[in-house]
Amino acid sequence: MIGYVTIGALDTEAALPFYDALFGAIGGKRAFFDNGWAGYGPDGSDANVYICPPHDGQPARAGNGVMFAFPAPSKAAVDAAYAGALANGGADEGAPGNRPPEKEGFYGAYMRDPTGNKLCVFAKS
């Protein structure tokens, strides 16, 4: 069980449009931005995803093999999150679709944030 997620950013403020679009499409919102930290969570709830510079003062870098996956309420929300992420500095890592392609049940989209962290937004169908 996960209590919260922290994602390192090279420039938190520059990453805000990406995360605003991504989380906004799946029912989340920015809870705060203060002193280089941004917090996101479900609308009306406390933040459970934090975007910030690394604590050790070194530049943030994407973890090889690390990916965070966020549930969406629908396929349309997955499509919107993917489009919003790419329109705000994200990079494609796999367009929205069924995984595996020939099977229904898991519909996901994969992208990288402006720092290079890999993310997935998915809906179960």
N, C-alpha and C. Protein backbone atom coordinates (compact mmCIF):
# COMPACT_ATOMS: atom_id res chain seq x y z
N MET A 1 0.86 -1.18 0.00
CA MET A 1 0.00 0.00 0.00
C MET A 1 0.90 1.24 0.00
N ILE A 2 0.53 2.24 -0.76
CA ILE A 2 1.33 3.45 -0.88
C ILE A 2 0.65 4.58 -0.13
N GLY A 3 1.42 5.27 0.72
CA GLY A 3 0.90 6.42 1.44
C GLY A 3 0.99 7.70 0.63
N TYR A 4 2.12 7.87 -0.08
CA TYR A 4 2.31 9.02 -0.95
C TYR A 4 3.47 8.74 -1.88
N VAL A 5 3.60 9.57 -2.92
CA VAL A 5 4.66 9.45 -3.91
C VAL A 5 5.36 10.80 -4.02
N THR A 6 6.67 10.79 -4.09
CA THR A 6 7.45 12.00 -4.33
C THR A 6 8.18 11.82 -5.66
N ILE A 7 8.03 12.79 -6.56
CA ILE A 7 8.65 12.73 -7.88
C ILE A 7 9.62 13.90 -7.99
N GLY A 8 10.87 13.60 -8.24
CA GLY A 8 11.89 14.64 -8.37
C GLY A 8 11.73 15.45 -9.64
N ALA A 9 11.97 16.74 -9.54
CA ALA A 9 11.87 17.64 -10.70
C ALA A 9 13.11 18.51 -10.80
N LEU A 10 13.57 18.73 -12.01
CA LEU A 10 14.67 19.66 -12.22
C LEU A 10 14.21 21.09 -11.94
N ASP A 11 12.99 21.40 -12.33
CA ASP A 11 12.41 22.73 -12.13
C ASP A 11 10.92 22.53 -11.83
N THR A 12 10.56 22.54 -10.56
CA THR A 12 9.19 22.25 -10.16
C THR A 12 8.21 23.22 -10.82
N GLU A 13 8.51 24.49 -10.81
CA GLU A 13 7.58 25.47 -11.39
C GLU A 13 7.35 25.21 -12.87
N ALA A 14 8.40 24.85 -13.60
CA ALA A 14 8.25 24.56 -15.03
C ALA A 14 7.45 23.28 -15.25
N ALA A 15 7.44 22.37 -14.29
CA ALA A 15 6.70 21.11 -14.42
C ALA A 15 5.22 21.25 -14.09
N LEU A 16 4.82 22.36 -13.47
CA LEU A 16 3.43 22.52 -13.03
C LEU A 16 2.41 22.40 -14.16
N PRO A 17 2.60 23.01 -15.35
CA PRO A 17 1.60 22.85 -16.41
C PRO A 17 1.40 21.38 -16.80
N PHE A 18 2.49 20.62 -16.85
CA PHE A 18 2.41 19.18 -17.17
C PHE A 18 1.54 18.46 -16.14
N TYR A 19 1.86 18.63 -14.87
CA TYR A 19 1.13 17.92 -13.82
C TYR A 19 -0.30 18.46 -13.63
N ASP A 20 -0.50 19.76 -13.82
CA ASP A 20 -1.86 20.31 -13.77
C ASP A 20 -2.74 19.63 -14.83
N ALA A 21 -2.22 19.50 -16.04
CA ALA A 21 -2.98 18.88 -17.13
C ALA A 21 -3.19 17.39 -16.88
N LEU A 22 -2.15 16.71 -16.48
CA LEU A 22 -2.24 15.26 -16.25
C LEU A 22 -3.25 14.94 -15.16
N PHE A 23 -3.07 15.53 -13.98
CA PHE A 23 -3.95 15.21 -12.86
C PHE A 23 -5.34 15.81 -13.02
N GLY A 24 -5.43 16.97 -13.66
CA GLY A 24 -6.74 17.58 -13.88
C GLY A 24 -7.64 16.70 -14.73
N ALA A 25 -7.05 15.98 -15.68
CA ALA A 25 -7.83 15.11 -16.56
C ALA A 25 -8.37 13.87 -15.85
N ILE A 26 -7.77 13.49 -14.72
CA ILE A 26 -8.21 12.27 -14.03
C ILE A 26 -8.83 12.56 -12.66
N GLY A 27 -9.22 13.82 -12.43
CA GLY A 27 -9.93 14.16 -11.20
C GLY A 27 -9.08 14.66 -10.06
N GLY A 28 -7.84 14.96 -10.33
CA GLY A 28 -6.96 15.51 -9.30
C GLY A 28 -6.76 16.99 -9.48
N LYS A 29 -6.14 17.60 -8.48
CA LYS A 29 -5.82 19.02 -8.61
C LYS A 29 -4.63 19.36 -7.74
N ARG A 30 -4.03 20.49 -8.05
CA ARG A 30 -2.90 20.94 -7.25
C ARG A 30 -3.43 21.48 -5.93
N ALA A 31 -2.92 20.93 -4.83
CA ALA A 31 -3.33 21.36 -3.50
C ALA A 31 -2.49 22.55 -3.03
N PHE A 32 -1.23 22.61 -3.47
CA PHE A 32 -0.38 23.73 -3.07
C PHE A 32 0.86 23.79 -3.94
N PHE A 33 1.52 24.93 -3.94
CA PHE A 33 2.86 25.12 -4.49
C PHE A 33 3.55 26.10 -3.56
N ASP A 34 4.63 25.66 -2.92
CA ASP A 34 5.30 26.48 -1.93
C ASP A 34 6.76 26.07 -1.80
N ASN A 35 7.66 27.03 -1.92
CA ASN A 35 9.08 26.81 -1.68
C ASN A 35 9.64 25.65 -2.50
N GLY A 36 9.24 25.57 -3.78
CA GLY A 36 9.76 24.54 -4.67
C GLY A 36 9.02 23.22 -4.61
N TRP A 37 8.03 23.11 -3.78
CA TRP A 37 7.25 21.88 -3.65
C TRP A 37 5.83 22.11 -4.16
N ALA A 38 5.31 21.13 -4.89
CA ALA A 38 3.91 21.13 -5.31
C ALA A 38 3.28 19.84 -4.82
N GLY A 39 2.04 19.94 -4.38
CA GLY A 39 1.31 18.75 -3.93
C GLY A 39 0.04 18.59 -4.72
N TYR A 40 -0.26 17.37 -5.11
CA TYR A 40 -1.47 17.04 -5.87
C TYR A 40 -2.23 15.93 -5.17
N GLY A 41 -3.55 15.97 -5.33
CA GLY A 41 -4.38 14.92 -4.77
C GLY A 41 -5.76 14.95 -5.39
N PRO A 42 -6.59 13.97 -5.00
CA PRO A 42 -7.97 13.99 -5.49
C PRO A 42 -8.65 15.28 -5.07
N ASP A 43 -9.54 15.77 -5.91
CA ASP A 43 -10.26 17.01 -5.61
C ASP A 43 -10.93 16.90 -4.25
N GLY A 44 -10.68 17.84 -3.37
CA GLY A 44 -11.26 17.85 -2.04
C GLY A 44 -10.50 17.06 -1.01
N SER A 45 -9.34 16.50 -1.38
CA SER A 45 -8.55 15.70 -0.44
C SER A 45 -7.15 16.29 -0.28
N ASP A 46 -6.44 15.78 0.69
CA ASP A 46 -5.04 16.18 0.89
C ASP A 46 -4.18 15.67 -0.27
N ALA A 47 -3.04 16.30 -0.45
CA ALA A 47 -2.09 15.87 -1.47
C ALA A 47 -1.53 14.50 -1.11
N ASN A 48 -1.29 13.68 -2.15
CA ASN A 48 -0.61 12.41 -1.95
C ASN A 48 0.45 12.16 -3.02
N VAL A 49 0.63 13.14 -3.91
CA VAL A 49 1.71 13.12 -4.88
C VAL A 49 2.43 14.46 -4.77
N TYR A 50 3.73 14.41 -4.57
CA TYR A 50 4.52 15.63 -4.38
C TYR A 50 5.58 15.73 -5.47
N ILE A 51 5.73 16.93 -6.03
CA ILE A 51 6.74 17.22 -7.04
C ILE A 51 7.71 18.21 -6.40
N CYS A 52 9.01 17.87 -6.42
CA CYS A 52 9.98 18.72 -5.71
C CYS A 52 11.40 18.41 -6.16
N PRO A 53 12.34 19.29 -5.84
CA PRO A 53 13.73 18.97 -6.09
C PRO A 53 14.19 17.91 -5.09
N PRO A 54 15.17 17.08 -5.45
CA PRO A 54 15.66 16.07 -4.52
C PRO A 54 16.23 16.67 -3.24
N HIS A 55 16.04 15.96 -2.14
CA HIS A 55 16.49 16.41 -0.82
C HIS A 55 18.02 16.54 -0.76
N ASP A 56 18.75 15.70 -1.50
CA ASP A 56 20.21 15.72 -1.42
C ASP A 56 20.85 16.87 -2.18
N GLY A 57 20.04 17.70 -2.86
CA GLY A 57 20.57 18.85 -3.57
C GLY A 57 21.13 18.54 -4.94
N GLN A 58 21.18 17.29 -5.32
CA GLN A 58 21.66 16.89 -6.64
C GLN A 58 20.53 17.08 -7.66
N PRO A 59 20.87 17.21 -8.93
CA PRO A 59 19.82 17.36 -9.94
C PRO A 59 18.91 16.12 -9.98
N ALA A 60 17.64 16.35 -10.18
CA ALA A 60 16.70 15.23 -10.34
C ALA A 60 17.02 14.51 -11.63
N ARG A 61 16.82 13.21 -11.62
CA ARG A 61 16.97 12.41 -12.83
C ARG A 61 15.97 11.28 -12.76
N ALA A 62 15.50 10.87 -13.91
CA ALA A 62 14.51 9.81 -13.97
C ALA A 62 15.13 8.49 -13.54
N GLY A 63 14.39 7.71 -12.78
CA GLY A 63 14.87 6.40 -12.36
C GLY A 63 14.67 5.38 -13.46
N ASN A 64 15.72 4.68 -13.82
CA ASN A 64 15.63 3.67 -14.85
C ASN A 64 14.82 2.49 -14.31
N GLY A 65 13.71 2.20 -14.95
CA GLY A 65 12.85 1.11 -14.51
C GLY A 65 11.78 1.52 -13.51
N VAL A 66 11.76 2.79 -13.11
CA VAL A 66 10.75 3.29 -12.17
C VAL A 66 9.63 3.93 -12.97
N MET A 67 8.37 3.59 -12.61
CA MET A 67 7.22 4.20 -13.25
C MET A 67 6.12 4.32 -12.22
N PHE A 68 5.39 5.42 -12.28
CA PHE A 68 4.22 5.63 -11.43
C PHE A 68 2.98 5.52 -12.30
N ALA A 69 1.98 4.81 -11.83
CA ALA A 69 0.73 4.65 -12.58
C ALA A 69 -0.42 5.23 -11.77
N PHE A 70 -1.25 6.03 -12.44
CA PHE A 70 -2.36 6.71 -11.80
C PHE A 70 -3.68 6.27 -12.44
N PRO A 71 -4.66 5.87 -11.62
CA PRO A 71 -5.94 5.44 -12.18
C PRO A 71 -6.77 6.62 -12.68
N ALA A 72 -7.49 6.37 -13.76
CA ALA A 72 -8.40 7.36 -14.34
C ALA A 72 -9.81 6.77 -14.32
N PRO A 73 -10.82 7.64 -14.31
CA PRO A 73 -12.19 7.13 -14.25
C PRO A 73 -12.72 6.56 -15.56
N SER A 74 -12.03 6.84 -16.68
CA SER A 74 -12.55 6.39 -17.97
C SER A 74 -11.45 6.42 -19.03
N LYS A 75 -11.73 5.79 -20.17
CA LYS A 75 -10.80 5.85 -21.30
C LYS A 75 -10.66 7.30 -21.78
N ALA A 76 -11.76 8.04 -21.79
CA ALA A 76 -11.71 9.44 -22.23
C ALA A 76 -10.79 10.26 -21.33
N ALA A 77 -10.79 9.96 -20.03
CA ALA A 77 -9.91 10.67 -19.10
C ALA A 77 -8.45 10.30 -19.37
N VAL A 78 -8.18 9.04 -19.72
CA VAL A 78 -6.82 8.62 -20.09
C VAL A 78 -6.37 9.41 -21.32
N ASP A 79 -7.23 9.47 -22.33
CA ASP A 79 -6.91 10.21 -23.56
C ASP A 79 -6.62 11.68 -23.25
N ALA A 80 -7.44 12.30 -22.39
CA ALA A 80 -7.27 13.71 -22.04
C ALA A 80 -5.98 13.94 -21.26
N ALA A 81 -5.67 13.04 -20.34
CA ALA A 81 -4.44 13.16 -19.55
C ALA A 81 -3.22 13.07 -20.45
N TYR A 82 -3.23 12.13 -21.37
CA TYR A 82 -2.13 11.94 -22.30
C TYR A 82 -1.95 13.18 -23.18
N ALA A 83 -3.05 13.65 -23.76
CA ALA A 83 -2.98 14.83 -24.63
C ALA A 83 -2.51 16.05 -23.86
N GLY A 84 -3.04 16.24 -22.66
CA GLY A 84 -2.63 17.39 -21.84
C GLY A 84 -1.18 17.32 -21.43
N ALA A 85 -0.73 16.12 -21.09
CA ALA A 85 0.67 15.95 -20.69
C ALA A 85 1.61 16.27 -21.86
N LEU A 86 1.31 15.74 -23.04
CA LEU A 86 2.16 16.00 -24.19
C LEU A 86 2.12 17.46 -24.63
N ALA A 87 0.98 18.12 -24.45
CA ALA A 87 0.87 19.53 -24.82
C ALA A 87 1.59 20.45 -23.83
N ASN A 88 2.01 19.89 -22.69
CA ASN A 88 2.65 20.71 -21.66
C ASN A 88 4.03 20.20 -21.27
N GLY A 89 4.79 19.79 -22.26
CA GLY A 89 6.19 19.44 -22.04
C GLY A 89 6.47 17.98 -21.85
N GLY A 90 5.47 17.13 -21.93
CA GLY A 90 5.67 15.69 -21.78
C GLY A 90 6.14 15.05 -23.08
N ALA A 91 6.65 13.82 -22.95
CA ALA A 91 7.10 13.06 -24.12
C ALA A 91 6.35 11.73 -24.17
N ASP A 92 6.05 11.29 -25.37
CA ASP A 92 5.32 10.05 -25.59
C ASP A 92 6.16 8.83 -25.22
N GLU A 93 5.54 7.91 -24.48
CA GLU A 93 6.15 6.61 -24.19
C GLU A 93 5.19 5.48 -24.54
N GLY A 94 4.07 5.81 -25.15
CA GLY A 94 3.08 4.81 -25.54
C GLY A 94 1.70 5.44 -25.58
N ALA A 95 1.15 5.59 -26.78
CA ALA A 95 -0.15 6.23 -26.97
C ALA A 95 -1.25 5.45 -26.27
N PRO A 96 -2.37 6.11 -25.96
CA PRO A 96 -3.48 5.42 -25.31
C PRO A 96 -3.95 4.20 -26.11
N GLY A 97 -4.24 3.15 -25.37
CA GLY A 97 -4.74 1.94 -26.02
C GLY A 97 -4.82 0.79 -25.05
N ASN A 98 -5.40 -0.31 -25.53
CA ASN A 98 -5.48 -1.52 -24.71
C ASN A 98 -4.11 -2.15 -24.58
N ARG A 99 -3.85 -2.71 -23.43
CA ARG A 99 -2.60 -3.42 -23.17
C ARG A 99 -2.96 -4.79 -22.62
N PRO A 100 -2.58 -5.87 -23.32
CA PRO A 100 -2.05 -5.91 -24.67
C PRO A 100 -3.11 -5.44 -25.68
N PRO A 101 -2.66 -5.03 -26.89
CA PRO A 101 -3.56 -4.41 -27.84
C PRO A 101 -4.79 -5.24 -28.22
N GLU A 102 -4.65 -6.53 -28.23
CA GLU A 102 -5.75 -7.39 -28.66
C GLU A 102 -6.72 -7.76 -27.54
N LYS A 103 -6.52 -7.23 -26.36
CA LYS A 103 -7.33 -7.64 -25.22
C LYS A 103 -7.94 -6.43 -24.51
N GLU A 104 -9.22 -6.49 -24.19
CA GLU A 104 -9.88 -5.46 -23.38
C GLU A 104 -9.54 -5.68 -21.91
N GLY A 105 -9.72 -4.66 -21.10
CA GLY A 105 -9.54 -4.80 -19.66
C GLY A 105 -8.61 -3.77 -19.06
N PHE A 106 -7.56 -3.40 -19.77
CA PHE A 106 -6.62 -2.40 -19.27
C PHE A 106 -6.32 -1.44 -20.40
N TYR A 107 -6.69 -0.18 -20.22
CA TYR A 107 -6.50 0.87 -21.22
C TYR A 107 -5.54 1.88 -20.62
N GLY A 108 -4.36 2.03 -21.20
CA GLY A 108 -3.36 2.91 -20.61
C GLY A 108 -2.65 3.78 -21.62
N ALA A 109 -2.03 4.83 -21.09
CA ALA A 109 -1.18 5.73 -21.87
C ALA A 109 0.07 5.98 -21.05
N TYR A 110 1.19 6.09 -21.74
CA TYR A 110 2.48 6.24 -21.08
C TYR A 110 3.17 7.50 -21.57
N MET A 111 3.77 8.24 -20.64
CA MET A 111 4.45 9.47 -20.99
C MET A 111 5.59 9.74 -20.01
N ARG A 112 6.45 10.67 -20.40
CA ARG A 112 7.51 11.14 -19.50
C ARG A 112 7.25 12.60 -19.19
N ASP A 113 7.52 12.97 -17.92
CA ASP A 113 7.36 14.37 -17.52
C ASP A 113 8.56 15.18 -18.00
N PRO A 114 8.60 16.49 -17.78
CA PRO A 114 9.71 17.30 -18.27
C PRO A 114 11.09 16.90 -17.71
N THR A 115 11.14 16.21 -16.58
CA THR A 115 12.41 15.74 -16.02
C THR A 115 12.80 14.39 -16.60
N GLY A 116 11.85 13.67 -17.17
CA GLY A 116 12.11 12.35 -17.74
C GLY A 116 11.51 11.20 -16.95
N ASN A 117 10.77 11.48 -15.88
CA ASN A 117 10.12 10.43 -15.11
C ASN A 117 9.01 9.79 -15.93
N LYS A 118 8.94 8.45 -15.90
CA LYS A 118 7.92 7.75 -16.67
C LYS A 118 6.65 7.60 -15.84
N LEU A 119 5.51 7.92 -16.47
CA LEU A 119 4.21 7.85 -15.82
C LEU A 119 3.23 7.11 -16.71
N CYS A 120 2.25 6.50 -16.08
CA CYS A 120 1.15 5.86 -16.79
C CYS A 120 -0.16 6.37 -16.20
N VAL A 121 -1.14 6.56 -17.05
CA VAL A 121 -2.52 6.83 -16.63
C VAL A 121 -3.34 5.71 -17.26
N PHE A 122 -4.18 5.05 -16.44
CA PHE A 122 -4.90 3.89 -16.94
C PHE A 122 -6.34 3.85 -16.44
N ALA A 123 -7.15 3.13 -17.19
CA ALA A 123 -8.53 2.84 -16.80
C ALA A 123 -8.77 1.36 -17.06
N LYS A 124 -9.47 0.74 -16.15
CA LYS A 124 -9.85 -0.65 -16.35
C LYS A 124 -11.22 -0.67 -17.02
N SER A 125 -11.33 -1.54 -18.03
CA SER A 125 -12.59 -1.59 -18.77
C SER A 125 -13.19 -2.98 -18.73
